Amino acid sequence: MPPSIRPRLSLEASGSIGPEQYLDLDSAVIGMTCYGASAQGARVLVRFGFTAENVQCTALSILERLR
């Protein structure tokens, strides 16, 4: 992705380590923060912020910081 496209929001279910190489200080990552979470899929997704509400809130927060 060209550097001119920012801010960025990375959603990474396999882990939050790695995507940061493609992000800058104006960006954010929603991702797993530990290894080995075990529960029903929907519960794990909620636990780590993979909800429409959290994605929207995080995106709006990034945009608000840039104003």
Protein backbone atom coordinates (compact mmCIF):
# COMPACT_ATOMS: atom_id res chain seq x y z
CA MET A 1 0.00 0.00 0.00
CA PRO A 2 1.47 3.39 -0.91
CA PRO A 3 2.63 5.55 2.02
CA SER A 4 0.16 8.24 0.94
CA ILE A 5 -2.79 6.04 1.93
CA ARG A 6 -3.30 6.62 5.62
CA PRO A 7 -4.44 6.24 8.27
CA ARG A 8 -4.72 2.48 8.29
CA LEU A 9 -6.59 0.04 10.50
CA SER A 10 -5.32 -3.51 10.54
CA LEU A 11 -7.58 -6.37 11.62
CA GLU A 12 -5.50 -9.47 12.23
CA ALA A 13 -7.03 -12.54 13.85
CA SER A 14 -3.79 -14.53 13.83
CA GLY A 15 -1.85 -12.00 15.92
CA SER A 16 -1.11 -8.33 16.27
CA ILE A 17 2.63 -8.76 15.72
CA GLY A 18 3.59 -8.25 12.11
CA PRO A 19 1.05 -5.80 10.69
CA GLU A 20 2.79 -2.87 12.40
CA GLN A 21 5.44 -2.92 9.68
CA TYR A 22 2.76 -1.65 7.30
CA LEU A 23 1.37 0.99 9.64
CA ASP A 24 2.44 4.40 10.87
CA LEU A 25 1.78 6.40 14.03
CA ASP A 26 -1.65 7.43 12.72
CA SER A 27 -2.78 3.82 12.41
CA ALA A 28 -4.03 1.05 14.73
CA VAL A 29 -4.17 -2.73 14.99
CA ILE A 30 -7.01 -4.85 16.29
CA GLY A 31 -5.63 -8.32 16.83
CA MET A 32 -4.86 -11.22 19.10
CA THR A 33 -2.56 -10.15 21.91
CA CYS A 34 -1.67 -13.58 23.27
CA TYR A 35 -1.20 -17.09 22.05
CA GLY A 36 -3.57 -19.97 22.67
CA ALA A 37 -6.93 -18.37 23.39
CA SER A 38 -9.49 -21.11 23.61
CA ALA A 39 -13.26 -20.70 23.66
CA GLN A 40 -16.19 -20.64 21.27
CA GLY A 41 -15.19 -18.65 18.20
CA ALA A 42 -17.66 -15.84 18.82
CA ARG A 43 -16.42 -15.38 22.41
CA VAL A 44 -12.79 -15.16 21.31
CA LEU A 45 -13.65 -12.61 18.64
CA VAL A 46 -15.46 -10.41 21.17
CA ARG A 47 -12.62 -10.80 23.71
CA PHE A 48 -10.08 -9.42 21.24
CA GLY A 49 -12.23 -6.65 19.83
CA PHE A 50 -13.38 -8.16 16.57
CA THR A 51 -16.83 -6.61 16.71
CA ALA A 52 -18.39 -4.14 14.32
CA GLU A 53 -18.76 -1.67 17.17
CA ASN A 54 -15.09 -1.85 18.18
CA VAL A 55 -13.85 -1.60 14.59
CA GLN A 56 -16.06 1.44 14.02
CA CYS A 57 -14.99 3.05 17.31
CA THR A 58 -11.29 2.45 16.59
CA ALA A 59 -11.58 3.82 13.04
CA LEU A 60 -13.41 6.92 14.23
CA SER A 61 -10.82 7.42 16.98
CA ILE A 62 -8.01 7.35 14.43
CA LEU A 63 -9.80 9.86 12.21
CA GLU A 64 -10.55 12.13 15.18
CA ARG A 65 -6.85 12.24 16.14
CA LEU A 66 -6.02 13.51 12.64
CA ARG A 67 -8.40 16.46 12.80
